[in-house]
Amino acid sequence: LELELLKKEYGLSMQAWIHRAREVGALEAAVAASLLAQFKARGWRVREPGEQLAAEPPCLFERLVARAHAEEMISPGKAAELMRLPLSEYNKKLRLEAPRVTADR
């Protein structure tokens, strides 16, 4: 199946490929609907054939906290608290700690 190869190569589910192909006009809506109905009938809506994709860790919340901190809407301490990190770890994560100066420079 070409969809399985695309899934493996690019890390996007087969159903997502079908939806995207329909959106850009590469598949007619009726063909996409038929394919998705086949997925449902075969139980592939929950578990597609082929290797399962690794779940991506959610990152939107982290980006929102970092942006709020960057725009000085919240303090570094509040950002660390929201991220459930010690302040030093939060600073390292965002590379806010100043780089160490070495003697040879």
Protein backbone atom coordinates (compact mmCIF):
# COMPACT_ATOMS: atom_id res chain seq x y z
CA LEU A 1 0.00 0.00 0.00
CA GLU A 2 1.41 3.40 -0.98
CA LEU A 3 -0.20 4.98 2.07
CA GLU A 4 1.73 2.66 4.36
CA LEU A 5 5.00 3.65 2.65
CA LEU A 6 4.15 7.35 3.05
CA LYS A 7 3.30 6.78 6.70
CA LYS A 8 6.63 5.06 7.32
CA GLU A 9 8.67 7.61 5.36
CA TYR A 10 7.12 10.84 6.65
CA GLY A 11 5.54 9.89 9.99
CA LEU A 12 2.02 10.98 9.05
CA SER A 13 -0.93 8.61 9.48
CA MET A 14 -2.55 7.07 6.42
CA GLN A 15 -5.85 8.74 7.28
CA ALA A 16 -4.11 12.11 7.45
CA TRP A 17 -2.66 11.49 3.97
CA ILE A 18 -6.16 10.77 2.67
CA HIS A 19 -7.59 13.94 4.24
CA ARG A 20 -4.72 16.06 2.91
CA ALA A 21 -4.99 14.58 -0.59
CA ARG A 22 -8.69 15.47 -0.58
CA GLU A 23 -7.96 19.00 0.67
CA VAL A 24 -5.47 19.73 -2.12
CA GLY A 25 -7.66 18.15 -4.80
CA ALA A 26 -5.50 15.06 -5.43
CA LEU A 27 -8.46 12.85 -4.39
CA GLU A 28 -12.11 13.44 -5.10
CA ALA A 29 -14.27 13.73 -1.99
CA ALA A 30 -16.16 10.54 -2.89
CA VAL A 31 -12.94 8.53 -3.21
CA ALA A 32 -11.62 9.88 0.09
CA ALA A 33 -14.92 9.07 1.80
CA SER A 34 -14.81 5.54 0.39
CA LEU A 35 -11.25 5.01 1.61
CA LEU A 36 -12.10 6.32 5.07
CA ALA A 37 -15.16 4.05 5.19
CA GLN A 38 -12.88 1.10 4.40
CA PHE A 39 -10.58 2.15 7.24
CA LYS A 40 -13.55 2.20 9.61
CA ALA A 41 -14.85 -1.20 8.43
CA ARG A 42 -11.42 -2.80 8.92
CA GLY A 43 -10.90 -1.27 12.36
CA TRP A 44 -8.03 0.87 11.09
CA ARG A 45 -9.34 4.14 12.49
CA VAL A 46 -7.79 3.23 15.83
CA ARG A 47 -4.84 1.10 14.74
CA GLU A 48 -3.64 1.40 11.16
CA PRO A 49 -1.66 -1.38 9.48
CA GLY A 50 2.11 -1.14 9.50
CA GLU A 51 4.41 0.23 12.14
CA GLN A 52 2.71 2.42 14.71
CA LEU A 53 3.91 6.00 14.88
CA ALA A 54 5.48 7.15 18.11
CA ALA A 55 3.28 9.59 19.97
CA GLU A 56 4.59 13.12 19.86
CA PRO A 57 4.95 14.81 23.20
CA PRO A 58 2.62 17.79 23.51
CA CYS A 59 4.52 21.04 23.12
CA LEU A 60 1.88 23.76 22.72
CA PHE A 61 1.67 24.44 26.46
CA GLU A 62 5.47 24.76 26.70
CA ARG A 63 5.51 27.18 23.78
CA LEU A 64 2.73 29.27 25.32
CA VAL A 65 4.57 29.45 28.65
CA ALA A 66 7.84 30.39 26.92
CA ARG A 67 6.10 33.08 24.90
CA ALA A 68 4.34 34.51 27.96
CA HIS A 69 7.72 34.65 29.70
CA ALA A 70 9.46 36.18 26.67
CA GLU A 71 6.79 38.88 26.47
CA GLU A 72 7.20 39.51 30.20
CA MET A 73 3.61 38.51 30.93
CA ILE A 74 4.88 36.06 33.57
CA SER A 75 8.09 35.84 35.58
CA PRO A 76 10.74 33.15 35.05
CA GLY A 77 9.70 31.67 38.40
CA LYS A 78 6.06 31.45 37.33
CA ALA A 79 7.09 29.92 34.01
CA ALA A 80 9.18 27.29 35.82
CA GLU A 81 6.27 26.58 38.16
CA LEU A 82 3.86 26.12 35.24
CA MET A 83 6.36 23.79 33.57
CA ARG A 84 6.81 21.90 36.86
CA LEU A 85 10.56 22.44 36.71
CA PRO A 86 13.06 23.91 39.12
CA LEU A 87 13.98 27.42 37.99
CA SER A 88 17.53 26.35 37.13
CA GLU A 89 16.22 23.57 34.87
CA TYR A 90 13.77 25.94 33.21
CA ASN A 91 16.61 28.39 32.53
CA LYS A 92 18.74 25.63 31.04
CA LYS A 93 15.83 24.47 28.91
CA LEU A 94 15.42 27.90 27.39
CA ARG A 95 19.17 28.53 27.28
CA LEU A 96 18.76 31.61 29.41
CA GLU A 97 21.84 30.91 31.46
CA ALA A 98 24.82 32.89 30.26
CA PRO A 99 27.49 30.82 28.49
CA ARG A 100 30.58 30.21 30.57
CA VAL A 101 33.61 32.23 29.53
CA THR A 102 36.80 30.22 29.27
CA ALA A 103 40.30 31.54 29.97
CA ASP A 104 41.52 30.95 26.41
CA ARG A 105 39.11 33.48 24.94
